Amino acid sequence: MGFVGGIATVPHPARSSESEMIPALSLLLGCQLAGEILARLLALPVPGPVLGLALLFLALQLRTRLRPDAAAIETLPLGAVSGVLLAHLSLLFVPAGAGIVRHAGTVLAHGPSLLAALLLSTALTLIVTAFVFVKVAALVGSPAEPDR
C-alpha cells in the first residue's frame, strides 16, 4: 500500500486507464439496475442489488464456460475497478454512521428495544444457520462433526 497526497493507494495487478474503467463501471451499475428492475417487476422480496450481483456472477460463470482460455478477471478492467471499490468499501459506511449520529436522540430513546431486537435476531440467525447446516450435511451424507 502506498500513499499519494495523503490518500492510501492499493496496488493492483491490472492498472487501467479511465477509458477502460468506464465500461467496467457501466457493467457493474448495469447489473445493479437489471437487478432492481427484476426485483420490482416480479415483486421479489430480494433487494435489487443482490439480484444484480447474482446476474453478474452468472454472466462471469457463463463467460468462463464459453471461453475457458479467456483472461482472468483480475487482469481485466473489471478486476481493477472491483479491487478499487473493495479497497475503499469502508467509505460507503460513512453515510450510515452519519445517520446514526444525526438521529442519536431517537437511537437513545429506543436503545433498549433496539438492543433487544439486535441480540434476539443475532441469536435466532445463529440457531437457524446451525440447524440448516446440520440438515444440509445430512442430505449430502457428510457428518455434521468431523472425525478427530
Protein backbone atom coordinates (compact mmCIF):
# COMPACT_ATOMS: atom_id res chain seq x y z
CA MET A 1 0.00 0.00 0.00
CA GLY A 2 1.32 3.43 -0.89
CA PHE A 3 0.28 6.97 -0.13
CA VAL A 4 -0.34 9.68 -2.71
CA GLY A 5 -1.27 13.11 -1.39
CA GLY A 6 -2.20 11.64 1.98
CA ILE A 7 -4.58 9.12 0.39
CA ALA A 8 -3.86 5.40 0.64
CA THR A 9 -3.45 3.71 -2.71
CA VAL A 10 -3.80 -0.03 -3.20
CA PRO A 11 -1.55 -1.64 -5.78
CA HIS A 12 -3.47 -3.75 -8.24
CA PRO A 13 -2.08 -6.11 -10.88
CA ALA A 14 -4.17 -4.55 -13.62
CA ARG A 15 -3.93 -0.78 -13.98
CA SER A 16 -6.50 0.62 -16.35
CA SER A 17 -6.93 3.94 -17.96
CA GLU A 18 -10.08 5.93 -17.35
CA SER A 19 -11.44 4.94 -20.76
CA GLU A 20 -11.22 1.26 -19.80
CA MET A 21 -12.78 1.81 -16.38
CA ILE A 22 -15.97 3.42 -17.66
CA PRO A 23 -17.24 0.24 -19.37
CA ALA A 24 -16.36 -1.79 -16.27
CA LEU A 25 -18.27 0.62 -14.01
CA SER A 26 -21.13 0.62 -16.51
CA LEU A 27 -21.25 -3.18 -16.34
CA LEU A 28 -21.41 -3.13 -12.54
CA LEU A 29 -24.10 -0.43 -12.48
CA GLY A 30 -25.98 -2.10 -15.34
CA CYS A 31 -26.15 -5.35 -13.39
CA GLN A 32 -27.41 -3.46 -10.37
CA LEU A 33 -30.05 -1.72 -12.50
CA ALA A 34 -31.13 -5.02 -14.05
CA GLY A 35 -31.47 -6.48 -10.57
CA GLU A 36 -33.59 -3.51 -9.44
CA ILE A 37 -35.84 -3.87 -12.48
CA LEU A 38 -36.26 -7.61 -11.88
CA ALA A 39 -36.99 -7.12 -8.19
CA ARG A 40 -39.67 -4.51 -8.88
CA LEU A 41 -41.25 -6.16 -11.92
CA LEU A 42 -41.52 -9.54 -10.26
CA ALA A 43 -42.23 -8.10 -6.78
CA LEU A 44 -39.44 -10.22 -5.33
CA PRO A 45 -38.58 -9.93 -1.63
CA VAL A 46 -34.88 -9.69 -2.55
CA PRO A 47 -33.05 -6.35 -2.90
CA GLY A 48 -32.26 -5.34 -6.47
CA PRO A 49 -28.50 -5.02 -5.88
CA VAL A 50 -28.41 -8.61 -4.60
CA LEU A 51 -30.14 -9.80 -7.77
CA GLY A 52 -27.74 -7.68 -9.81
CA LEU A 53 -24.79 -9.32 -8.08
CA ALA A 54 -26.28 -12.74 -8.87
CA LEU A 55 -26.69 -11.70 -12.53
CA LEU A 56 -23.06 -10.56 -12.67
CA PHE A 57 -21.94 -13.84 -11.09
CA LEU A 58 -23.94 -15.84 -13.63
CA ALA A 59 -22.52 -13.77 -16.50
CA LEU A 60 -18.98 -14.34 -15.29
CA GLN A 61 -19.62 -18.07 -14.88
CA LEU A 62 -21.06 -18.22 -18.39
CA ARG A 63 -18.01 -16.35 -19.71
CA THR A 64 -15.71 -18.90 -18.06
CA ARG A 65 -17.67 -21.83 -19.51
CA LEU A 66 -17.87 -20.41 -23.04
CA ARG A 67 -14.30 -19.14 -23.14
CA PRO A 68 -12.08 -21.26 -20.87
CA ASP A 69 -8.98 -19.62 -22.38
CA ALA A 70 -10.18 -16.09 -21.58
CA ALA A 71 -8.03 -13.85 -19.39
CA ALA A 72 -8.62 -13.95 -15.65
CA ILE A 73 -10.99 -11.29 -14.31
CA GLU A 74 -8.21 -9.88 -12.12
CA THR A 75 -6.28 -8.83 -15.23
CA LEU A 76 -9.22 -7.03 -16.85
CA PRO A 77 -10.57 -3.53 -16.16
CA LEU A 78 -13.49 -5.12 -14.29
CA GLY A 79 -10.99 -6.65 -11.86
CA ALA A 80 -9.23 -3.31 -11.39
CA VAL A 81 -12.48 -1.42 -10.76
CA SER A 82 -13.71 -4.11 -8.37
CA GLY A 83 -10.40 -4.04 -6.50
CA VAL A 84 -10.58 -0.28 -6.03
CA LEU A 85 -14.20 -0.44 -4.86
CA LEU A 86 -13.42 -3.21 -2.38
CA ALA A 87 -10.33 -1.38 -1.11
CA HIS A 88 -12.48 1.65 -0.27
CA LEU A 89 -15.59 -0.21 0.86
CA SER A 90 -15.39 1.25 4.36
CA LEU A 91 -16.11 4.71 2.94
CA LEU A 92 -19.56 3.51 1.92
CA PHE A 93 -20.46 3.08 5.60
CA VAL A 94 -19.84 6.75 6.42
CA PRO A 95 -23.40 7.87 5.46
CA ALA A 96 -24.90 5.20 7.72
CA GLY A 97 -22.71 6.32 10.62
CA ALA A 98 -23.64 9.95 9.99
CA GLY A 99 -27.32 9.00 10.01
CA ILE A 100 -26.94 7.31 13.39
CA VAL A 101 -25.22 10.39 14.80
CA ARG A 102 -27.89 12.67 13.33
CA HIS A 103 -30.66 10.64 14.94
CA ALA A 104 -28.81 9.93 18.18
CA GLY A 105 -31.80 11.06 20.24
CA THR A 106 -34.07 8.52 18.60
CA VAL A 107 -31.44 5.80 18.96
CA LEU A 108 -31.05 6.61 22.66
CA ALA A 109 -34.81 6.75 23.23
CA HIS A 110 -35.33 3.34 21.67
CA GLY A 111 -31.94 1.92 22.67
CA PRO A 112 -33.14 -0.92 24.90
CA SER A 113 -35.66 -2.07 22.28
CA LEU A 114 -33.06 -1.86 19.51
CA LEU A 115 -30.51 -3.76 21.59
CA ALA A 116 -33.04 -6.48 22.43
CA ALA A 117 -34.04 -6.82 18.77
CA LEU A 118 -30.39 -6.95 17.71
CA LEU A 119 -29.45 -9.62 20.26
CA LEU A 120 -32.55 -11.71 19.58
CA SER A 121 -32.16 -11.57 15.80
CA THR A 122 -28.46 -12.46 16.08
CA ALA A 123 -29.18 -15.45 18.31
CA LEU A 124 -32.02 -16.57 16.03
CA THR A 125 -29.77 -16.28 12.97
CA LEU A 126 -27.09 -18.43 14.62
CA ILE A 127 -29.64 -21.08 15.63
CA VAL A 128 -31.22 -21.23 12.15
CA THR A 129 -27.79 -21.33 10.49
CA ALA A 130 -26.69 -24.25 12.68
CA PHE A 131 -29.98 -26.07 12.01
CA VAL A 132 -29.68 -25.60 8.24
CA PHE A 133 -26.02 -26.71 8.31
CA VAL A 134 -26.91 -29.95 10.12
CA LYS A 135 -29.80 -30.67 7.73
CA VAL A 136 -27.73 -29.96 4.60
CA ALA A 137 -24.85 -32.06 5.96
CA ALA A 138 -27.29 -34.93 6.47
CA LEU A 139 -28.68 -34.51 2.94
CA VAL A 140 -25.26 -34.68 1.29
CA GLY A 141 -24.16 -37.55 3.52
CA SER A 142 -21.48 -35.60 5.32
CA PRO A 143 -21.23 -35.82 9.12
CA ALA A 144 -22.04 -32.59 10.93
CA GLU A 145 -18.97 -33.13 13.11
CA PRO A 146 -15.67 -34.17 11.51
CA ASP A 147 -13.83 -37.25 12.72
CA ARG A 148 -10.96 -36.41 15.03
